[in-house]
Structures are given as structure tokens and as C-alpha cells.
Amino acid sequence: MSAAKITALEALVTALTARVDALEKTLAASASAAAATATEVTATPTPNEVKEVKEKTPRGKTGWSLFFKHVSEEMKKANPDTKFKLADFVAEAKQRKDSGGYNEAHWKAEAAKINTAA
């Protein structure tokens, strides 16, 4: 091999070595920065910290819950000796809703009256 080719290859190896060193330094710097931010972000609360307890309040009535109660009371009135299951009430309420017996606007208005009065 000629001396000129060897010199060119040596120059190329030197340039690539310098470039690899620069990339390694950049990679090390970004890894240390990522490790620093990871320790800051993942700070876990101590077990002795107590969360603030919120006051529990019941939810207000909904139009569907009022309609469901209305249907179940009607069923109980019609057959006072029968012991109904929840599934019976659900089936009847769904059947009435599907046949157009559930006026959503009316029952929502009734629920709003109850919720604002309470």
C-alpha cells in the first residue's frame, strides 16, 4: 500500500475517533441529565403523609332513578303479595322506556326540583 493511502486512512481513523469521543461525551451528559430529572420527578411521598379527607355527600337524584322508583312502586302496588327481584324491576323499567313510557325531560325536571330543594 502506498504511503499516501496509509496517511489518508490514519487521518480518517483520527477523525472518526474524535467524533466517537464527542458522541460519548454527549451521551454521558444526556444520561446524567436524565438521571437527575428522573430522581426529581419520581420523588415518592412518605408513608406518614396523610391525604386530605373530603366530606362525603350523597349524590342527587337522577331522572332515571326517579322513574325506576316510580315503576317499582307501581309494580308493588299492583301485586303486593309478590316478592320481586331487582331484575324484575329493571326489566319492567327498560320495557317501559323502550315503548316510550319514559319521558326524560319530565323526570329530569322532577329530579332537579328535588335536588334544588335539598
N, C-alpha and C. Protein backbone atom coordinates (compact mmCIF):
# COMPACT_ATOMS: atom_id res chain seq x y z
N MET A 1 0.85 -1.17 0.00
CA MET A 1 0.00 0.00 0.00
C MET A 1 0.90 1.24 0.00
N SER A 2 0.46 2.25 -0.64
CA SER A 2 1.29 3.45 -0.74
C SER A 2 1.21 4.27 0.53
N ALA A 3 2.19 5.08 0.73
CA ALA A 3 2.28 5.91 1.92
C ALA A 3 1.14 6.93 1.97
N ALA A 4 0.72 7.40 0.82
CA ALA A 4 -0.36 8.39 0.76
C ALA A 4 -1.68 7.77 1.23
N LYS A 5 -1.94 6.52 0.85
CA LYS A 5 -3.16 5.85 1.26
C LYS A 5 -3.15 5.59 2.76
N ILE A 6 -1.98 5.21 3.28
CA ILE A 6 -1.87 4.95 4.71
C ILE A 6 -2.08 6.23 5.49
N THR A 7 -1.54 7.32 5.04
CA THR A 7 -1.70 8.60 5.71
C THR A 7 -3.17 9.04 5.67
N ALA A 8 -3.83 8.82 4.54
CA ALA A 8 -5.25 9.19 4.43
C ALA A 8 -6.09 8.35 5.37
N LEU A 9 -5.77 7.06 5.46
CA LEU A 9 -6.52 6.19 6.38
C LEU A 9 -6.27 6.56 7.84
N GLU A 10 -5.04 6.91 8.16
CA GLU A 10 -4.73 7.33 9.54
C GLU A 10 -5.49 8.61 9.88
N ALA A 11 -5.56 9.52 8.94
CA ALA A 11 -6.29 10.77 9.16
C ALA A 11 -7.78 10.48 9.36
N LEU A 12 -8.30 9.56 8.58
CA LEU A 12 -9.70 9.19 8.70
C LEU A 12 -9.98 8.53 10.04
N VAL A 13 -9.10 7.63 10.48
CA VAL A 13 -9.25 6.97 11.78
C VAL A 13 -9.19 8.01 12.90
N THR A 14 -8.30 8.97 12.81
CA THR A 14 -8.17 10.01 13.83
C THR A 14 -9.47 10.85 13.88
N ALA A 15 -10.01 11.20 12.72
CA ALA A 15 -11.24 11.99 12.68
C ALA A 15 -12.41 11.21 13.26
N LEU A 16 -12.50 9.94 12.91
CA LEU A 16 -13.59 9.12 13.44
C LEU A 16 -13.45 8.91 14.94
N THR A 17 -12.24 8.74 15.42
CA THR A 17 -12.01 8.59 16.86
C THR A 17 -12.45 9.85 17.60
N ALA A 18 -12.11 11.00 17.06
CA ALA A 18 -12.52 12.26 17.69
C ALA A 18 -14.05 12.39 17.71
N ARG A 19 -14.68 11.97 16.62
CA ARG A 19 -16.13 12.06 16.53
C ARG A 19 -16.79 11.10 17.53
N VAL A 20 -16.29 9.89 17.67
CA VAL A 20 -16.82 8.92 18.62
C VAL A 20 -16.66 9.45 20.05
N ASP A 21 -15.51 10.05 20.35
CA ASP A 21 -15.28 10.62 21.69
C ASP A 21 -16.30 11.72 21.99
N ALA A 22 -16.56 12.57 20.99
CA ALA A 22 -17.53 13.65 21.18
C ALA A 22 -18.93 13.08 21.42
N LEU A 23 -19.31 12.05 20.67
CA LEU A 23 -20.62 11.43 20.85
C LEU A 23 -20.73 10.75 22.21
N GLU A 24 -19.67 10.13 22.68
CA GLU A 24 -19.68 9.51 24.00
C GLU A 24 -19.86 10.55 25.10
N LYS A 25 -19.21 11.70 24.96
CA LYS A 25 -19.35 12.78 25.94
C LYS A 25 -20.80 13.30 25.95
N THR A 26 -21.37 13.48 24.77
CA THR A 26 -22.75 13.96 24.67
C THR A 26 -23.72 12.96 25.28
N LEU A 27 -23.49 11.67 25.00
CA LEU A 27 -24.34 10.63 25.55
C LEU A 27 -24.25 10.57 27.07
N ALA A 28 -23.04 10.70 27.59
CA ALA A 28 -22.85 10.69 29.04
C ALA A 28 -23.53 11.89 29.69
N ALA A 29 -23.44 13.05 29.06
CA ALA A 29 -24.07 14.26 29.60
C ALA A 29 -25.59 14.12 29.60
N SER A 30 -26.15 13.59 28.52
CA SER A 30 -27.61 13.45 28.47
C SER A 30 -28.09 12.38 29.44
N ALA A 31 -27.31 11.33 29.63
CA ALA A 31 -27.69 10.29 30.59
C ALA A 31 -27.67 10.83 32.01
N SER A 32 -26.67 11.63 32.34
CA SER A 32 -26.62 12.19 33.70
C SER A 32 -27.75 13.20 33.90
N ALA A 33 -28.09 13.96 32.87
CA ALA A 33 -29.20 14.91 32.97
C ALA A 33 -30.52 14.17 33.14
N ALA A 34 -30.69 13.07 32.41
CA ALA A 34 -31.91 12.28 32.53
C ALA A 34 -32.01 11.65 33.92
N ALA A 35 -30.90 11.20 34.44
CA ALA A 35 -30.91 10.61 35.78
C ALA A 35 -31.24 11.66 36.83
N ALA A 36 -30.76 12.88 36.65
CA ALA A 36 -31.05 13.96 37.60
C ALA A 36 -32.53 14.31 37.58
N THR A 37 -33.11 14.42 36.39
CA THR A 37 -34.53 14.76 36.33
C THR A 37 -35.40 13.61 36.78
N ALA A 38 -34.94 12.38 36.55
CA ALA A 38 -35.74 11.23 36.98
C ALA A 38 -35.83 11.16 38.49
N THR A 39 -34.77 11.51 39.19
CA THR A 39 -34.82 11.49 40.65
C THR A 39 -35.69 12.62 41.17
N GLU A 40 -35.74 13.73 40.46
CA GLU A 40 -36.57 14.84 40.89
C GLU A 40 -38.05 14.54 40.67
N VAL A 41 -38.39 13.94 39.55
CA VAL A 41 -39.78 13.71 39.19
C VAL A 41 -40.37 12.55 39.98
N THR A 42 -39.60 11.51 40.22
CA THR A 42 -40.14 10.32 40.83
C THR A 42 -40.03 10.32 42.35
N ALA A 43 -40.00 11.50 42.94
CA ALA A 43 -39.97 11.57 44.39
C ALA A 43 -41.29 11.02 44.92
N THR A 44 -41.25 9.97 45.72
CA THR A 44 -42.46 9.36 46.24
C THR A 44 -42.80 9.96 47.60
N PRO A 45 -44.07 10.09 47.90
CA PRO A 45 -44.46 10.63 49.19
C PRO A 45 -44.11 9.64 50.31
N THR A 46 -43.84 10.19 51.44
CA THR A 46 -43.52 9.33 52.58
C THR A 46 -44.80 8.65 53.06
N PRO A 47 -44.68 7.48 53.67
CA PRO A 47 -45.88 6.78 54.13
C PRO A 47 -46.63 7.52 55.24
N ASN A 48 -45.97 8.44 55.90
CA ASN A 48 -46.62 9.15 57.01
C ASN A 48 -47.50 10.30 56.54
N GLU A 49 -47.38 10.67 55.26
CA GLU A 49 -48.22 11.75 54.75
C GLU A 49 -49.66 11.28 54.64
N VAL A 50 -50.57 12.10 55.10
CA VAL A 50 -51.99 11.75 55.08
C VAL A 50 -52.69 12.65 54.09
N LYS A 51 -53.46 12.03 53.20
CA LYS A 51 -54.22 12.82 52.24
C LYS A 51 -55.39 13.49 52.95
N GLU A 52 -55.76 14.63 52.41
CA GLU A 52 -56.89 15.36 52.98
C GLU A 52 -58.17 14.58 52.71
N VAL A 53 -58.95 14.36 53.74
CA VAL A 53 -60.19 13.61 53.60
C VAL A 53 -61.30 14.57 53.22
N LYS A 54 -61.95 14.26 52.11
CA LYS A 54 -63.04 15.11 51.65
C LYS A 54 -64.33 14.68 52.32
N GLU A 55 -65.21 15.63 52.50
CA GLU A 55 -66.51 15.32 53.10
C GLU A 55 -67.33 14.56 52.07
N LYS A 56 -67.89 13.45 52.49
CA LYS A 56 -68.69 12.63 51.58
C LYS A 56 -70.14 13.08 51.64
N THR A 57 -70.68 13.33 50.47
CA THR A 57 -72.07 13.75 50.38
C THR A 57 -72.78 12.83 49.40
N PRO A 58 -74.05 12.54 49.63
CA PRO A 58 -74.76 11.66 48.70
C PRO A 58 -75.01 12.36 47.37
N ARG A 59 -75.07 11.58 46.34
CA ARG A 59 -75.38 12.13 45.03
C ARG A 59 -76.85 12.51 44.98
N GLY A 60 -77.16 13.43 44.11
CA GLY A 60 -78.55 13.83 43.95
C GLY A 60 -79.32 12.81 43.14
N LYS A 61 -80.60 12.97 43.13
CA LYS A 61 -81.48 12.09 42.36
C LYS A 61 -81.29 12.36 40.87
N THR A 62 -81.51 11.33 40.07
CA THR A 62 -81.50 11.48 38.62
C THR A 62 -82.89 11.18 38.09
N GLY A 63 -83.12 11.58 36.86
CA GLY A 63 -84.42 11.31 36.25
C GLY A 63 -84.69 9.82 36.15
N TRP A 64 -83.66 9.05 35.79
CA TRP A 64 -83.84 7.60 35.66
C TRP A 64 -84.11 6.96 37.01
N SER A 65 -83.44 7.42 38.06
CA SER A 65 -83.67 6.81 39.38
C SER A 65 -85.09 7.09 39.87
N LEU A 66 -85.60 8.27 39.59
CA LEU A 66 -86.98 8.58 39.97
C LEU A 66 -87.97 7.74 39.17
N PHE A 67 -87.72 7.59 37.87
CA PHE A 67 -88.60 6.76 37.04
C PHE A 67 -88.56 5.31 37.52
N PHE A 68 -87.38 4.82 37.82
CA PHE A 68 -87.22 3.45 38.29
C PHE A 68 -87.98 3.24 39.60
N LYS A 69 -87.89 4.21 40.50
CA LYS A 69 -88.62 4.12 41.77
C LYS A 69 -90.13 4.13 41.52
N HIS A 70 -90.56 4.95 40.60
CA HIS A 70 -91.98 5.03 40.25
C HIS A 70 -92.47 3.68 39.70
N VAL A 71 -91.69 3.08 38.83
CA VAL A 71 -92.08 1.79 38.23
C VAL A 71 -92.14 0.71 39.31
N SER A 72 -91.14 0.69 40.18
CA SER A 72 -91.11 -0.36 41.21
C SER A 72 -92.27 -0.19 42.20
N GLU A 73 -92.63 1.05 42.53
CA GLU A 73 -93.77 1.26 43.43
C GLU A 73 -95.08 0.84 42.77
N GLU A 74 -95.22 1.12 41.47
CA GLU A 74 -96.42 0.67 40.76
C GLU A 74 -96.52 -0.85 40.73
N MET A 75 -95.40 -1.50 40.51
CA MET A 75 -95.41 -2.97 40.47
C MET A 75 -95.77 -3.55 41.84
N LYS A 76 -95.25 -2.94 42.89
CA LYS A 76 -95.55 -3.43 44.25
C LYS A 76 -97.02 -3.20 44.59
N LYS A 77 -97.58 -2.05 44.15
CA LYS A 77 -98.99 -1.78 44.39
C LYS A 77 -99.88 -2.77 43.65
N ALA A 78 -99.52 -3.07 42.43
CA ALA A 78 -100.34 -3.97 41.61
C ALA A 78 -100.32 -5.40 42.15
N ASN A 79 -99.20 -5.83 42.70
CA ASN A 79 -99.07 -7.20 43.22
C ASN A 79 -98.38 -7.15 44.59
N PRO A 80 -99.12 -6.80 45.64
CA PRO A 80 -98.48 -6.64 46.94
C PRO A 80 -97.96 -7.95 47.54
N ASP A 81 -98.50 -9.09 47.15
CA ASP A 81 -98.08 -10.36 47.72
C ASP A 81 -96.87 -10.96 47.00
N THR A 82 -96.52 -10.43 45.86
CA THR A 82 -95.41 -10.97 45.08
C THR A 82 -94.09 -10.39 45.57
N LYS A 83 -93.10 -11.27 45.68
CA LYS A 83 -91.77 -10.80 46.05
C LYS A 83 -90.97 -10.64 44.76
N PHE A 84 -90.65 -9.38 44.44
CA PHE A 84 -89.95 -9.08 43.20
C PHE A 84 -88.44 -9.09 43.41
N LYS A 85 -87.73 -9.39 42.36
CA LYS A 85 -86.27 -9.28 42.35
C LYS A 85 -85.91 -8.00 41.63
N LEU A 86 -84.70 -7.56 41.86
CA LEU A 86 -84.24 -6.35 41.19
C LEU A 86 -84.31 -6.49 39.67
N ALA A 87 -84.01 -7.66 39.17
CA ALA A 87 -84.06 -7.89 37.72
C ALA A 87 -85.46 -7.69 37.17
N ASP A 88 -86.49 -8.00 37.98
CA ASP A 88 -87.87 -7.79 37.54
C ASP A 88 -88.15 -6.30 37.34
N PHE A 89 -87.70 -5.49 38.31
CA PHE A 89 -87.90 -4.04 38.21
C PHE A 89 -87.14 -3.47 37.02
N VAL A 90 -85.92 -3.93 36.83
CA VAL A 90 -85.09 -3.44 35.73
C VAL A 90 -85.73 -3.79 34.39
N ALA A 91 -86.21 -5.01 34.26
CA ALA A 91 -86.83 -5.44 33.01
C ALA A 91 -88.08 -4.60 32.69
N GLU A 92 -88.89 -4.37 33.72
CA GLU A 92 -90.11 -3.58 33.50
C GLU A 92 -89.79 -2.13 33.14
N ALA A 93 -88.81 -1.55 33.84
CA ALA A 93 -88.44 -0.16 33.55
C ALA A 93 -87.86 -0.05 32.13
N LYS A 94 -87.05 -1.00 31.75
CA LYS A 94 -86.47 -0.99 30.40
C LYS A 94 -87.56 -1.17 29.36
N GLN A 95 -88.51 -2.05 29.63
CA GLN A 95 -89.60 -2.27 28.69
C GLN A 95 -90.42 -0.99 28.52
N ARG A 96 -90.70 -0.32 29.62
CA ARG A 96 -91.48 0.92 29.53
C ARG A 96 -90.69 2.01 28.80
N LYS A 97 -89.39 2.06 29.04
CA LYS A 97 -88.57 3.06 28.35
C LYS A 97 -88.57 2.80 26.86
N ASP A 98 -88.40 1.53 26.47
CA ASP A 98 -88.37 1.18 25.05
C ASP A 98 -89.70 1.41 24.36
N SER A 99 -90.80 1.30 25.10
CA SER A 99 -92.12 1.51 24.49
C SER A 99 -92.54 2.98 24.54
N GLY A 100 -91.67 3.86 25.03
CA GLY A 100 -91.97 5.29 25.03
C GLY A 100 -92.59 5.78 26.32
N GLY A 101 -92.58 5.00 27.38
CA GLY A 101 -93.19 5.41 28.63
C GLY A 101 -92.28 6.25 29.52
N TYR A 102 -91.05 6.45 29.09
CA TYR A 102 -90.11 7.24 29.89
C TYR A 102 -89.92 8.59 29.23
N ASN A 103 -90.50 9.63 29.83
CA ASN A 103 -90.35 10.98 29.34
C ASN A 103 -89.15 11.60 30.05
N GLU A 104 -88.04 11.61 29.38
CA GLU A 104 -86.79 12.03 30.02
C GLU A 104 -86.85 13.47 30.53
N ALA A 105 -87.42 14.37 29.78
CA ALA A 105 -87.49 15.77 30.19
C ALA A 105 -88.30 15.91 31.48
N HIS A 106 -89.42 15.20 31.57
CA HIS A 106 -90.26 15.27 32.77
C HIS A 106 -89.51 14.77 34.00
N TRP A 107 -88.87 13.61 33.89
CA TRP A 107 -88.22 13.02 35.05
C TRP A 107 -86.96 13.81 35.44
N LYS A 108 -86.28 14.40 34.47
CA LYS A 108 -85.13 15.25 34.81
C LYS A 108 -85.59 16.51 35.53
N ALA A 109 -86.73 17.06 35.12
CA ALA A 109 -87.26 18.24 35.79
C ALA A 109 -87.65 17.90 37.23
N GLU A 110 -88.26 16.73 37.43
CA GLU A 110 -88.61 16.30 38.79
C GLU A 110 -87.36 16.13 39.66
N ALA A 111 -86.32 15.57 39.07
CA ALA A 111 -85.07 15.38 39.81
C ALA A 111 -84.44 16.72 40.16
N ALA A 112 -84.53 17.67 39.25
CA ALA A 112 -83.97 19.00 39.52
C ALA A 112 -84.72 19.68 40.65
N LYS A 113 -86.04 19.50 40.69
CA LYS A 113 -86.82 20.07 41.80
C LYS A 113 -86.37 19.50 43.14
N ILE A 114 -86.20 18.20 43.17
CA ILE A 114 -85.80 17.53 44.42
C ILE A 114 -84.39 17.95 44.84
N ASN A 115 -83.48 18.02 43.85
CA ASN A 115 -82.08 18.34 44.16
C ASN A 115 -81.90 19.79 44.60
N THR A 116 -82.70 20.70 44.04
CA THR A 116 -82.57 22.09 44.46
C THR A 116 -83.24 22.33 45.80
N ALA A 117 -84.25 21.56 46.13
CA ALA A 117 -84.94 21.71 47.41
C ALA A 117 -84.08 21.18 48.56
N ALA A 118 -83.26 20.20 48.28
CA ALA A 118 -82.45 19.58 49.34
C ALA A 118 -81.24 20.38 49.72
